[in-house]
């Protein structure tokens, strides 16, 4: 059975190739070139040669710019906080690999994520992997049933430490020591200089504006609302007598509203552009769990479907710093029921 594996050149996708070969699959590797200065292809090419598997590089720079980077920029300019990894997974990366799998006649596709797929009542669900510290189920809520039927996650039942040990036993010492990418792949560190460079009219957005409190009193000035995100508590350049957080961003007036932590909590929010695998848990008015931040705690909630593009989420306990543009992911135990973007 032929499987198309997404290969980044890192240890996770590389060891996935090894595991798939050991399981008897005919493996083909694909690396996506998303950025002008992508430099990870050499490692993927060398590994493919060592494992004697076919490998090719797909130029997806134009699609990545339009789908991910333009989205990233426009969200900040709209006063929201983007989550580019969710956008990339749901609208680009998986679409590309399935298109290539069809072209190459591959039965399955694979990625080196630390998650599993489980079947329940003839439906497929993403489920948390064995390694809870590396679990990536939070990013994969947008996969369809047809996609889930054909996906393999070779690392789902491994700890990252176990994968490193196996890599060392097979002589892949450089893989074991290779540094992992963190955050947005196209924007390492502070996003603000990148945001300025991506903007054709920076003076329109990066100009003097006011910090105000919830009553409208001016607390000071800033250099443009896109430089701030909801929940931020530092970097204001103000002398305040108590800790203050960004509660709201108003692009129309270039105002950033600051508030104390006690005023940052909310008990409900809306979600759009959502995908749900099964609505039974909603129709039965069940309590499920929702996560609005990767690696953060789950919270009990109820969901009401407003229409085909909008959900209302009611929290049993209030949460602070719920930012428009981020994602909400719904779980039943370890199973991902769906998710969407907070509005």
C-alpha atoms as a PDB file:
ATOM      1  CA  UNK A   1       0.000   0.000   0.000  1.00  0.00           C
ATOM      2  CA  UNK A   2       1.407   3.370  -1.026  1.00  0.00           C
ATOM      3  CA  UNK A   3       1.547   6.190   1.533  1.00  0.00           C
ATOM      4  CA  UNK A   4       2.534   9.809   0.948  1.00  0.00           C
ATOM      5  CA  UNK A   5       4.437  11.206   3.929  1.00  0.00           C
ATOM      6  CA  UNK A   6       4.909  14.899   4.646  1.00  0.00           C
ATOM      7  CA  UNK A   7       8.638  15.314   5.380  1.00  0.00           C
ATOM      8  CA  UNK A   8      10.069  18.411   7.034  1.00  0.00           C
ATOM      9  CA  UNK A   9      13.556  17.023   7.536  1.00  0.00           C
ATOM     10  CA  UNK A  10      13.087  16.874  11.317  1.00  0.00           C
ATOM     11  CA  UNK A  11      13.139  13.871  13.595  1.00  0.00           C
ATOM     12  CA  UNK A  12       9.361  13.354  13.745  1.00  0.00           C
ATOM     13  CA  UNK A  13       8.695  13.019  10.017  1.00  0.00           C
ATOM     14  CA  UNK A  14      11.996  11.197   9.482  1.00  0.00           C
ATOM     15  CA  UNK A  15      11.236   8.538  12.070  1.00  0.00           C
ATOM     16  CA  UNK A  16       7.697   8.295  10.695  1.00  0.00           C
ATOM     17  CA  UNK A  17       9.255   7.276   7.374  1.00  0.00           C
ATOM     18  CA  UNK A  18      11.266   4.572   9.115  1.00  0.00           C
ATOM     19  CA  UNK A  19       8.260   3.228  11.042  1.00  0.00           C
ATOM     20  CA  UNK A  20       6.094   3.133   7.901  1.00  0.00           C
ATOM     21  CA  UNK A  21       8.757   1.195   6.007  1.00  0.00           C
ATOM     22  CA  UNK A  22       9.018  -1.275   8.869  1.00  0.00           C
ATOM     23  CA  UNK A  23       5.250  -1.752   8.679  1.00  0.00           C
ATOM     24  CA  UNK A  24       5.517  -2.693   5.005  1.00  0.00           C
ATOM     25  CA  UNK A  25       4.306   0.475   3.305  1.00  0.00           C
ATOM     26  CA  UNK A  26       5.623   1.789   0.013  1.00  0.00           C
ATOM     27  CA  UNK A  27       6.611   5.269   1.204  1.00  0.00           C
ATOM     28  CA  UNK A  28       6.866   8.413  -0.903  1.00  0.00           C
ATOM     29  CA  UNK A  29       8.058  11.610   0.774  1.00  0.00           C
ATOM     30  CA  UNK A  30       6.961  15.160  -0.038  1.00  0.00           C
ATOM     31  CA  UNK A  31       8.376  18.406   1.326  1.00  0.00           C
ATOM     32  CA  UNK A  32       6.480  21.652   0.903  1.00  0.00           C
ATOM     33  CA  UNK A  33       8.397  24.795   0.121  1.00  0.00           C
ATOM     34  CA  UNK A  34       6.406  27.499   1.843  1.00  0.00           C
ATOM     35  CA  UNK A  35       9.062  30.211   2.234  1.00  0.00           C
ATOM     36  CA  UNK A  36      11.732  31.820   0.084  1.00  0.00           C
ATOM     37  CA  UNK A  37      14.522  30.852   2.488  1.00  0.00           C
ATOM     38  CA  UNK A  38      13.397  27.312   3.305  1.00  0.00           C
ATOM     39  CA  UNK A  39      16.577  25.370   4.042  1.00  0.00           C
ATOM     40  CA  UNK A  40      15.336  22.090   5.505  1.00  0.00           C
ATOM     41  CA  UNK A  41      15.139  20.190   2.232  1.00  0.00           C
ATOM     42  CA  UNK A  42      18.705  18.869   2.344  1.00  0.00           C
ATOM     43  CA  UNK A  43      17.974  16.807   5.439  1.00  0.00           C
ATOM     44  CA  UNK A  44      14.777  15.372   3.944  1.00  0.00           C
ATOM     45  CA  UNK A  45      16.535  14.549   0.664  1.00  0.00           C
ATOM     46  CA  UNK A  46      19.456  12.840   2.430  1.00  0.00           C
ATOM     47  CA  UNK A  47      17.129  10.787   4.604  1.00  0.00           C
ATOM     48  CA  UNK A  48      15.054   9.708   1.601  1.00  0.00           C
ATOM     49  CA  UNK A  49      18.240   8.596  -0.142  1.00  0.00           C
ATOM     50  CA  UNK A  50      19.382   6.675   2.932  1.00  0.00           C
ATOM     51  CA  UNK A  51      16.003   4.932   3.289  1.00  0.00           C
ATOM     52  CA  UNK A  52      15.767   4.407  -0.497  1.00  0.00           C
ATOM     53  CA  UNK A  53      12.359   6.062  -0.827  1.00  0.00           C
ATOM     54  CA  UNK A  54      11.109   8.415  -3.516  1.00  0.00           C
ATOM     55  CA  UNK A  55      10.948  12.050  -2.449  1.00  0.00           C
ATOM     56  CA  UNK A  56       9.979  15.309  -4.136  1.00  0.00           C
ATOM     57  CA  UNK A  57       9.668  18.978  -3.227  1.00  0.00           C
ATOM     58  CA  UNK A  58       6.467  20.896  -3.935  1.00  0.00           C
ATOM     59  CA  UNK A  59       6.672  24.655  -4.408  1.00  0.00           C
ATOM     60  CA  UNK A  60       3.730  26.074  -2.445  1.00  0.00           C
ATOM     61  CA  UNK A  61       5.080  29.568  -1.742  1.00  0.00           C
ATOM     62  CA  UNK A  62       2.241  31.345  -3.545  1.00  0.00           C
ATOM     63  CA  UNK A  63      -0.462  29.323  -1.763  1.00  0.00           C
ATOM     64  CA  UNK A  64       1.242  29.807   1.597  1.00  0.00           C
ATOM     65  CA  UNK A  65       1.469  33.569   1.103  1.00  0.00           C
ATOM     66  CA  UNK A  66      -2.198  33.858   0.142  1.00  0.00           C
ATOM     67  CA  UNK A  67      -3.616  31.397   2.680  1.00  0.00           C
ATOM     68  CA  UNK A  68      -1.439  31.898   5.735  1.00  0.00           C
ATOM     69  CA  UNK A  69       0.711  35.031   5.636  1.00  0.00           C
ATOM     70  CA  UNK A  70      -1.943  37.327   4.133  1.00  0.00           C
ATOM     71  CA  UNK A  71      -4.422  35.961   6.696  1.00  0.00           C
ATOM     72  CA  UNK A  72      -1.900  36.552   9.494  1.00  0.00           C
ATOM     73  CA  UNK A  73      -1.435  40.169   8.441  1.00  0.00           C
ATOM     74  CA  UNK A  74      -5.095  40.972   7.828  1.00  0.00           C
ATOM     75  CA  UNK A  75      -6.146  39.532  11.202  1.00  0.00           C
ATOM     76  CA  UNK A  76      -3.786  41.795  13.131  1.00  0.00           C
ATOM     77  CA  UNK A  77      -4.919  44.800  11.087  1.00  0.00           C
ATOM     78  CA  UNK A  78      -8.515  43.912  11.956  1.00  0.00           C
ATOM     79  CA  UNK A  79      -7.672  43.975  15.665  1.00  0.00           C
ATOM     80  CA  UNK A  80      -7.785  40.199  16.087  1.00  0.00           C
ATOM     81  CA  UNK A  81      -5.147  37.658  17.175  1.00  0.00           C
ATOM     82  CA  UNK A  82      -4.464  35.150  14.381  1.00  0.00           C
ATOM     83  CA  UNK A  83      -3.568  31.494  14.843  1.00  0.00           C
ATOM     84  CA  UNK A  84      -1.616  30.688  11.642  1.00  0.00           C
ATOM     85  CA  UNK A  85      -0.966  27.012  12.500  1.00  0.00           C
ATOM     86  CA  UNK A  86      -4.709  26.303  12.593  1.00  0.00           C
ATOM     87  CA  UNK A  87      -5.194  28.134   9.295  1.00  0.00           C
ATOM     88  CA  UNK A  88      -2.334  26.265   7.657  1.00  0.00           C
ATOM     89  CA  UNK A  89      -3.561  22.861   8.840  1.00  0.00           C
ATOM     90  CA  UNK A  90      -7.225  23.411   8.039  1.00  0.00           C
ATOM     91  CA  UNK A  91      -6.949  25.267   4.737  1.00  0.00           C
ATOM     92  CA  UNK A  92      -3.598  24.460   3.147  1.00  0.00           C
ATOM     93  CA  UNK A  93      -1.249  21.698   4.283  1.00  0.00           C
ATOM     94  CA  UNK A  94      -3.703  18.800   4.340  1.00  0.00           C
ATOM     95  CA  UNK A  95      -5.368  19.933   1.135  1.00  0.00           C
ATOM     96  CA  UNK A  96      -2.010  19.965  -0.639  1.00  0.00           C
ATOM     97  CA  UNK A  97      -0.906  16.554   0.561  1.00  0.00           C
ATOM     98  CA  UNK A  98      -4.213  14.937  -0.377  1.00  0.00           C
ATOM     99  CA  UNK A  99      -4.045  16.528  -3.836  1.00  0.00           C
ATOM    100  CA  UNK A 100      -0.574  15.058  -4.324  1.00  0.00           C
ATOM    101  CA  UNK A 101      -1.672  11.677  -2.962  1.00  0.00           C
ATOM    102  CA  UNK A 102      -4.397  11.550  -5.596  1.00  0.00           C
ATOM    103  CA  UNK A 103      -1.934  12.510  -8.327  1.00  0.00           C
ATOM    104  CA  UNK A 104       0.500   9.793  -7.251  1.00  0.00           C
ATOM    105  CA  UNK A 105      -2.100   7.105  -6.605  1.00  0.00           C
ATOM    106  CA  UNK A 106      -1.335   6.854  -2.881  1.00  0.00           C
ATOM    107  CA  UNK A 107      -3.860   5.018  -0.726  1.00  0.00           C
ATOM    108  CA  UNK A 108      -2.834   6.757   2.493  1.00  0.00           C
ATOM    109  CA  UNK A 109      -1.175   9.972   3.697  1.00  0.00           C
ATOM    110  CA  UNK A 110       0.923  10.365   6.828  1.00  0.00           C
ATOM    111  CA  UNK A 111       2.362  13.083   9.054  1.00  0.00           C
ATOM    112  CA  UNK A 112       4.655  12.996  12.067  1.00  0.00           C
ATOM    113  CA  UNK A 113       2.123  14.378  14.569  1.00  0.00           C
ATOM    114  CA  UNK A 114       1.841  12.998  18.093  1.00  0.00           C
ATOM    115  CA  UNK A 115      -1.852  12.109  17.819  1.00  0.00           C
ATOM    116  CA  UNK A 116      -4.017   9.077  17.115  1.00  0.00           C
ATOM    117  CA  UNK A 117      -7.178   8.365  15.147  1.00  0.00           C
ATOM    118  CA  UNK A 118      -9.965   6.373  16.808  1.00  0.00           C
ATOM    119  CA  UNK A 119     -13.230   5.011  15.445  1.00  0.00           C
ATOM    120  CA  UNK A 120     -16.470   5.310  17.418  1.00  0.00           C
ATOM    121  CA  UNK A 121     -19.933   4.417  16.047  1.00  0.00           C
ATOM    122  CA  UNK A 122     -18.590   4.347  12.482  1.00  0.00           C
ATOM    123  CA  UNK A 123     -17.074   7.816  12.824  1.00  0.00           C
ATOM    124  CA  UNK A 124     -13.407   8.748  12.977  1.00  0.00           C
ATOM    125  CA  UNK A 125     -11.941  11.159  15.512  1.00  0.00           C
ATOM    126  CA  UNK A 126      -8.558  12.712  16.188  1.00  0.00           C
ATOM    127  CA  UNK A 127      -7.493  11.603  19.659  1.00  0.00           C
ATOM    128  CA  UNK A 128      -4.711  12.786  21.938  1.00  0.00           C
ATOM    129  CA  UNK A 129      -1.418  10.951  21.545  1.00  0.00           C
ATOM    130  CA  UNK A 130       0.521   9.040  24.175  1.00  0.00           C
ATOM    131  CA  UNK A 131       2.898  11.963  24.758  1.00  0.00           C
ATOM    132  CA  UNK A 132       0.693  14.598  26.397  1.00  0.00           C
ATOM    133  CA  UNK A 133       3.484  17.174  26.300  1.00  0.00           C
ATOM    134  CA  UNK A 134       3.795  16.831  22.518  1.00  0.00           C
ATOM    135  CA  UNK A 135       0.106  16.233  21.748  1.00  0.00           C
ATOM    136  CA  UNK A 136      -0.960  18.110  18.593  1.00  0.00           C
ATOM    137  CA  UNK A 137      -4.676  17.300  18.522  1.00  0.00           C
ATOM    138  CA  UNK A 138      -5.410  20.992  19.163  1.00  0.00           C
ATOM    139  CA  UNK A 139      -4.354  21.839  15.579  1.00  0.00           C
ATOM    140  CA  UNK A 140      -6.265  19.118  13.716  1.00  0.00           C
ATOM    141  CA  UNK A 141      -9.953  19.788  14.389  1.00  0.00           C
ATOM    142  CA  UNK A 142     -10.652  20.666  10.744  1.00  0.00           C
ATOM    143  CA  UNK A 143     -10.011  17.239   9.194  1.00  0.00           C
ATOM    144  CA  UNK A 144     -12.983  15.648   7.418  1.00  0.00           C
ATOM    145  CA  UNK A 145     -14.214  12.073   7.758  1.00  0.00           C
ATOM    146  CA  UNK A 146     -12.916  11.216   4.283  1.00  0.00           C
ATOM    147  CA  UNK A 147      -9.486  12.518   5.239  1.00  0.00           C
ATOM    148  CA  UNK A 148      -9.400  10.802   8.638  1.00  0.00           C
ATOM    149  CA  UNK A 149     -10.130   7.438   6.984  1.00  0.00           C
ATOM    150  CA  UNK A 150      -6.905   7.712   4.988  1.00  0.00           C
ATOM    151  CA  UNK A 151      -4.468   9.286   7.459  1.00  0.00           C
ATOM    152  CA  UNK A 152      -1.746   7.471   9.398  1.00  0.00           C
ATOM    153  CA  UNK A 153       0.024   8.993  12.409  1.00  0.00           C
ATOM    154  CA  UNK A 154       2.992   6.661  13.072  1.00  0.00           C
ATOM    155  CA  UNK A 155       4.063   8.498  16.262  1.00  0.00           C
ATOM    156  CA  UNK A 156       0.726   8.528  18.083  1.00  0.00           C
ATOM    157  CA  UNK A 157       1.646   5.717  20.471  1.00  0.00           C
ATOM    158  CA  UNK A 158       5.166   6.940  21.226  1.00  0.00           C
ATOM    159  CA  UNK A 159       6.712   9.386  23.643  1.00  0.00           C
ATOM    160  CA  UNK A 160       9.086  11.898  22.059  1.00  0.00           C
ATOM    161  CA  UNK A 161      11.846  10.501  24.276  1.00  0.00           C
ATOM    162  CA  UNK A 162      11.186   7.021  22.859  1.00  0.00           C
ATOM    163  CA  UNK A 163      11.369   8.345  19.292  1.00  0.00           C
ATOM    164  CA  UNK A 164      14.742   9.953  20.059  1.00  0.00           C
ATOM    165  CA  UNK A 165      16.059   6.698  21.524  1.00  0.00           C
ATOM    166  CA  UNK A 166      14.996   4.745  18.439  1.00  0.00           C
ATOM    167  CA  UNK A 167      16.578   7.366  16.171  1.00  0.00           C
ATOM    168  CA  UNK A 168      19.865   6.982  18.059  1.00  0.00           C
ATOM    169  CA  UNK A 169      19.750   3.176  17.797  1.00  0.00           C
ATOM    170  CA  UNK A 170      19.418   3.513  14.023  1.00  0.00           C
ATOM    171  CA  UNK A 171      22.358   5.895  13.845  1.00  0.00           C
ATOM    172  CA  UNK A 172      20.381   9.086  13.238  1.00  0.00           C
ATOM    173  CA  UNK A 173      22.391  11.110  15.749  1.00  0.00           C
ATOM    174  CA  UNK A 174      21.966  14.472  13.990  1.00  0.00           C
ATOM    175  CA  UNK A 175      18.193  14.020  13.991  1.00  0.00           C
ATOM    176  CA  UNK A 176      18.183  13.468  17.732  1.00  0.00           C
ATOM    177  CA  UNK A 177      20.030  16.730  18.348  1.00  0.00           C
ATOM    178  CA  UNK A 178      18.249  18.821  15.702  1.00  0.00           C
ATOM    179  CA  UNK A 179      16.508  21.871  17.104  1.00  0.00           C
ATOM    180  CA  UNK A 180      12.735  21.939  16.699  1.00  0.00           C
ATOM    181  CA  UNK A 181      10.891  24.894  15.224  1.00  0.00           C
ATOM    182  CA  UNK A 182       8.666  26.820  17.618  1.00  0.00           C
ATOM    183  CA  UNK A 183       5.880  29.279  16.914  1.00  0.00           C
ATOM    184  CA  UNK A 184       5.034  30.584  13.451  1.00  0.00           C
ATOM    185  CA  UNK A 185       7.500  29.073  10.948  1.00  0.00           C
ATOM    186  CA  UNK A 186       7.589  32.270   8.873  1.00  0.00           C
ATOM    187  CA  UNK A 187       8.027  34.684  11.769  1.00  0.00           C
ATOM    188  CA  UNK A 188      10.523  33.766  14.469  1.00  0.00           C
ATOM    189  CA  UNK A 189      10.483  35.886  17.594  1.00  0.00           C
ATOM    190  CA  UNK A 190       8.664  39.213  17.668  1.00  0.00           C
ATOM    191  CA  UNK A 191       5.914  39.377  15.001  1.00  0.00           C
ATOM    192  CA  UNK A 192       5.795  43.190  14.913  1.00  0.00           C
ATOM    193  CA  UNK A 193       8.718  43.912  12.528  1.00  0.00           C
ATOM    194  CA  UNK A 194       7.402  41.183  10.200  1.00  0.00           C
ATOM    195  CA  UNK A 195       3.949  42.761  10.279  1.00  0.00           C
ATOM    196  CA  UNK A 196       5.370  46.139   9.262  1.00  0.00           C
ATOM    197  CA  UNK A 197       7.282  44.611   6.339  1.00  0.00           C
ATOM    198  CA  UNK A 198       4.175  42.817   5.081  1.00  0.00           C
ATOM    199  CA  UNK A 199       2.148  46.021   5.042  1.00  0.00           C
ATOM    200  CA  UNK A 200       2.045  48.215   1.945  1.00  0.00           C
ATOM    201  CA  UNK A 201       0.744  51.195   3.901  1.00  0.00           C
ATOM    202  CA  UNK A 202       2.338  51.011   7.375  1.00  0.00           C
ATOM    203  CA  UNK A 203       1.702  54.673   8.219  1.00  0.00           C
ATOM    204  CA  UNK A 204      -2.042  53.967   8.070  1.00  0.00           C
ATOM    205  CA  UNK A 205      -1.888  51.445  10.907  1.00  0.00           C
ATOM    206  CA  UNK A 206       1.318  52.159  12.838  1.00  0.00           C
ATOM    207  CA  UNK A 207       0.591  55.626  14.118  1.00  0.00           C
ATOM    208  CA  UNK A 208      -0.036  57.328  17.447  1.00  0.00           C
ATOM    209  CA  UNK A 209      -3.143  56.251  19.286  1.00  0.00           C
ATOM    210  CA  UNK A 210      -4.458  56.169  22.843  1.00  0.00           C
ATOM    211  CA  UNK A 211      -4.497  53.648  25.618  1.00  0.00           C
ATOM    212  CA  UNK A 212      -7.778  54.105  27.451  1.00  0.00           C
ATOM    213  CA  UNK A 213      -9.447  52.451  30.420  1.00  0.00           C
ATOM    214  CA  UNK A 214     -12.926  50.920  30.373  1.00  0.00           C
ATOM    215  CA  UNK A 215     -14.480  54.289  31.163  1.00  0.00           C
ATOM    216  CA  UNK A 216     -12.752  56.037  28.265  1.00  0.00           C
ATOM    217  CA  UNK A 217     -10.097  57.867  30.292  1.00  0.00           C
ATOM    218  CA  UNK A 218      -6.798  58.263  28.414  1.00  0.00           C
ATOM    219  CA  UNK A 219      -3.919  56.399  30.099  1.00  0.00           C
ATOM    220  CA  UNK A 220      -1.214  57.190  27.562  1.00  0.00           C
ATOM    221  CA  UNK A 221      -0.259  56.735  23.907  1.00  0.00           C
ATOM    222  CA  UNK A 222       0.976  53.881  21.719  1.00  0.00           C
ATOM    223  CA  UNK A 223       2.385  53.535  18.195  1.00  0.00           C
ATOM    224  CA  UNK A 224      -0.429  51.549  16.580  1.00  0.00           C
ATOM    225  CA  UNK A 225      -3.094  49.072  17.668  1.00  0.00           C
ATOM    226  CA  UNK A 226      -1.670  46.128  15.581  1.00  0.00           C
ATOM    227  CA  UNK A 227       1.262  46.032  18.011  1.00  0.00           C
ATOM    228  CA  UNK A 228      -0.967  44.610  20.765  1.00  0.00           C
ATOM    229  CA  UNK A 229      -2.997  41.473  21.445  1.00  0.00           C
ATOM    230  CA  UNK A 230      -5.830  40.740  23.848  1.00  0.00           C
ATOM    231  CA  UNK A 231      -4.435  39.467  27.144  1.00  0.00           C
ATOM    232  CA  UNK A 232      -1.092  41.271  26.793  1.00  0.00           C
ATOM    233  CA  UNK A 233       0.133  42.752  30.089  1.00  0.00           C
ATOM    234  CA  UNK A 234       3.567  44.184  29.302  1.00  0.00           C
ATOM    235  CA  UNK A 235       5.205  46.471  26.782  1.00  0.00           C
ATOM    236  CA  UNK A 236       2.887  49.466  27.173  1.00  0.00           C
ATOM    237  CA  UNK A 237       5.561  51.966  28.218  1.00  0.00           C
ATOM    238  CA  UNK A 238       3.219  53.314  30.887  1.00  0.00           C
ATOM    239  CA  UNK A 239       3.678  53.973  34.586  1.00  0.00           C
ATOM    240  CA  UNK A 240       0.553  52.419  36.075  1.00  0.00           C
ATOM    241  CA  UNK A 241      -0.168  51.778  39.737  1.00  0.00           C
ATOM    242  CA  UNK A 242      -1.576  48.282  39.076  1.00  0.00           C
ATOM    243  CA  UNK A 243      -1.273  45.445  36.590  1.00  0.00           C
ATOM    244  CA  UNK A 244      -3.308  46.122  33.452  1.00  0.00           C
ATOM    245  CA  UNK A 245      -4.109  43.925  30.464  1.00  0.00           C
ATOM    246  CA  UNK A 246      -5.273  44.524  26.905  1.00  0.00           C
ATOM    247  CA  UNK A 247      -9.011  43.854  27.055  1.00  0.00           C
ATOM    248  CA  UNK A 248     -10.118  45.173  23.675  1.00  0.00           C
ATOM    249  CA  UNK A 249      -8.651  46.583  20.460  1.00  0.00           C
ATOM    250  CA  UNK A 250     -10.561  49.158  18.406  1.00  0.00           C
ATOM    251  CA  UNK A 251      -9.071  49.471  14.898  1.00  0.00           C
ATOM    252  CA  UNK A 252     -11.531  52.156  13.798  1.00  0.00           C
ATOM    253  CA  UNK A 253     -10.314  54.611  16.445  1.00  0.00           C
ATOM    254  CA  UNK A 254      -6.791  53.208  16.975  1.00  0.00           C
ATOM    255  CA  UNK A 255      -7.572  52.694  20.665  1.00  0.00           C
ATOM    256  CA  UNK A 256      -6.333  49.935  22.968  1.00  0.00           C
ATOM    257  CA  UNK A 257      -8.483  49.353  26.063  1.00  0.00           C
ATOM    258  CA  UNK A 258      -6.666  48.299  29.228  1.00  0.00           C
ATOM    259  CA  UNK A 259      -8.318  46.668  32.248  1.00  0.00           C
ATOM    260  CA  UNK A 260      -7.355  44.885  35.478  1.00  0.00           C
ATOM    261  CA  UNK A 261      -7.294  41.080  35.451  1.00  0.00           C
ATOM    262  CA  UNK A 262     -10.623  40.758  37.290  1.00  0.00           C
ATOM    263  CA  UNK A 263     -12.359  42.427  34.330  1.00  0.00           C
ATOM    264  CA  UNK A 264     -10.770  40.148  31.719  1.00  0.00           C
ATOM    265  CA  UNK A 265     -13.056  37.168  32.396  1.00  0.00           C
ATOM    266  CA  UNK A 266     -15.926  36.074  30.157  1.00  0.00           C
ATOM    267  CA  UNK A 267     -18.483  33.287  30.378  1.00  0.00           C
ATOM    268  CA  UNK A 268     -19.440  33.018  26.700  1.00  0.00           C
ATOM    269  CA  UNK A 269     -18.138  33.648  23.204  1.00  0.00           C
ATOM    270  CA  UNK A 270     -19.005  32.840  19.584  1.00  0.00           C
ATOM    271  CA  UNK A 271     -17.162  30.572  17.160  1.00  0.00           C
ATOM    272  CA  UNK A 272     -17.366  30.685  13.357  1.00  0.00           C
ATOM    273  CA  UNK A 273     -15.852  28.728  10.449  1.00  0.00           C
ATOM    274  CA  UNK A 274     -16.382  25.640  12.590  1.00  0.00           C
ATOM    275  CA  UNK A 275     -16.361  21.902  11.942  1.00  0.00           C
ATOM    276  CA  UNK A 276     -18.168  19.358  14.131  1.00  0.00           C
ATOM    277  CA  UNK A 277     -17.923  15.608  13.617  1.00  0.00           C
ATOM    278  CA  UNK A 278     -21.046  14.749  15.585  1.00  0.00           C
ATOM    279  CA  UNK A 279     -23.756  17.086  16.896  1.00  0.00           C
ATOM    280  CA  UNK A 280     -25.303  14.499  19.253  1.00  0.00           C
ATOM    281  CA  UNK A 281     -23.429  15.918  22.214  1.00  0.00           C
ATOM    282  CA  UNK A 282     -24.954  19.329  21.472  1.00  0.00           C
ATOM    283  CA  UNK A 283     -28.491  18.130  20.844  1.00  0.00           C
ATOM    284  CA  UNK A 284     -28.394  16.216  24.142  1.00  0.00           C
ATOM    285  CA  UNK A 285     -27.238  19.381  25.913  1.00  0.00           C
ATOM    286  CA  UNK A 286     -24.187  17.559  27.219  1.00  0.00           C
ATOM    287  CA  UNK A 287     -21.294  19.247  28.941  1.00  0.00           C
ATOM    288  CA  UNK A 288     -18.109  18.924  26.894  1.00  0.00           C
ATOM    289  CA  UNK A 289     -14.675  20.445  27.312  1.00  0.00           C
ATOM    290  CA  UNK A 290     -13.214  23.303  25.321  1.00  0.00           C
ATOM    291  CA  UNK A 291      -9.624  24.477  25.026  1.00  0.00           C
ATOM    292  CA  UNK A 292      -8.873  27.971  23.761  1.00  0.00           C
ATOM    293  CA  UNK A 293      -5.092  27.774  24.166  1.00  0.00           C
ATOM    294  CA  UNK A 294      -2.611  25.086  23.223  1.00  0.00           C
ATOM    295  CA  UNK A 295      -1.213  23.308  26.319  1.00  0.00           C
ATOM    296  CA  UNK A 296      -3.709  25.046  28.597  1.00  0.00           C
ATOM    297  CA  UNK A 297      -6.453  23.621  30.773  1.00  0.00           C
ATOM    298  CA  UNK A 298      -9.768  22.353  29.441  1.00  0.00           C
ATOM    299  CA  UNK A 299     -13.015  23.986  30.579  1.00  0.00           C
ATOM    300  CA  UNK A 300     -16.524  22.569  30.692  1.00  0.00           C
ATOM    301  CA  UNK A 301     -18.996  24.240  28.368  1.00  0.00           C
ATOM    302  CA  UNK A 302     -22.275  23.949  26.501  1.00  0.00           C
ATOM    303  CA  UNK A 303     -22.637  24.673  22.788  1.00  0.00           C
ATOM    304  CA  UNK A 304     -25.571  26.118  20.893  1.00  0.00           C
ATOM    305  CA  UNK A 305     -25.617  25.976  17.087  1.00  0.00           C
ATOM    306  CA  UNK A 306     -26.733  29.371  15.756  1.00  0.00           C
ATOM    307  CA  UNK A 307     -26.415  28.561  12.049  1.00  0.00           C
ATOM    308  CA  UNK A 308     -24.139  26.725   9.611  1.00  0.00           C
ATOM    309  CA  UNK A 309     -21.282  29.110  10.335  1.00  0.00           C
ATOM    310  CA  UNK A 310     -21.773  30.161  13.964  1.00  0.00           C
ATOM    311  CA  UNK A 311     -21.772  28.522  17.401  1.00  0.00           C
ATOM    312  CA  UNK A 312     -22.304  30.004  20.852  1.00  0.00           C
ATOM    313  CA  UNK A 313     -20.127  28.615  23.634  1.00  0.00           C
ATOM    314  CA  UNK A 314     -21.245  29.022  27.253  1.00  0.00           C
ATOM    315  CA  UNK A 315     -18.595  28.328  29.880  1.00  0.00           C
ATOM    316  CA  UNK A 316     -19.413  26.799  33.242  1.00  0.00           C
ATOM    317  CA  UNK A 317     -16.504  28.747  34.749  1.00  0.00           C
ATOM    318  CA  UNK A 318     -15.265  32.087  33.389  1.00  0.00           C
ATOM    319  CA  UNK A 319     -12.047  32.304  31.387  1.00  0.00           C
ATOM    320  CA  UNK A 320      -9.776  35.322  30.995  1.00  0.00           C
ATOM    321  CA  UNK A 321      -8.290  36.860  27.857  1.00  0.00           C
ATOM    322  CA  UNK A 322     -10.479  35.204  25.227  1.00  0.00           C
ATOM    323  CA  UNK A 323      -9.125  36.682  22.000  1.00  0.00           C
ATOM    324  CA  UNK A 324     -10.977  37.008  18.708  1.00  0.00           C
ATOM    325  CA  UNK A 325      -9.123  35.146  15.970  1.00  0.00           C
ATOM    326  CA  UNK A 326      -7.839  32.329  18.162  1.00  0.00           C
ATOM    327  CA  UNK A 327      -9.316  28.830  18.028  1.00  0.00           C
ATOM    328  CA  UNK A 328     -11.638  26.908  20.316  1.00  0.00           C
ATOM    329  CA  UNK A 329     -11.316  23.125  20.201  1.00  0.00           C
ATOM    330  CA  UNK A 330     -13.962  20.807  21.651  1.00  0.00           C
ATOM    331  CA  UNK A 331     -13.177  17.471  23.308  1.00  0.00           C
ATOM    332  CA  UNK A 332     -14.999  14.452  24.664  1.00  0.00           C
ATOM    333  CA  UNK A 333     -12.296  12.990  26.882  1.00  0.00           C
ATOM    334  CA  UNK A 334      -9.303  12.595  24.549  1.00  0.00           C
ATOM    335  CA  UNK A 335     -11.371  12.721  21.340  1.00  0.00           C
ATOM    336  CA  UNK A 336     -11.575  15.909  19.288  1.00  0.00           C
ATOM    337  CA  UNK A 337     -15.202  16.670  18.467  1.00  0.00           C
ATOM    338  CA  UNK A 338     -14.460  19.740  16.373  1.00  0.00           C
ATOM    339  CA  UNK A 339     -13.404  23.343  16.595  1.00  0.00           C
ATOM    340  CA  UNK A 340     -13.499  26.783  15.021  1.00  0.00           C
ATOM    341  CA  UNK A 341     -12.287  30.372  15.213  1.00  0.00           C
ATOM    342  CA  UNK A 342     -13.344  32.673  18.062  1.00  0.00           C
ATOM    343  CA  UNK A 343     -15.238  35.838  17.079  1.00  0.00           C
END
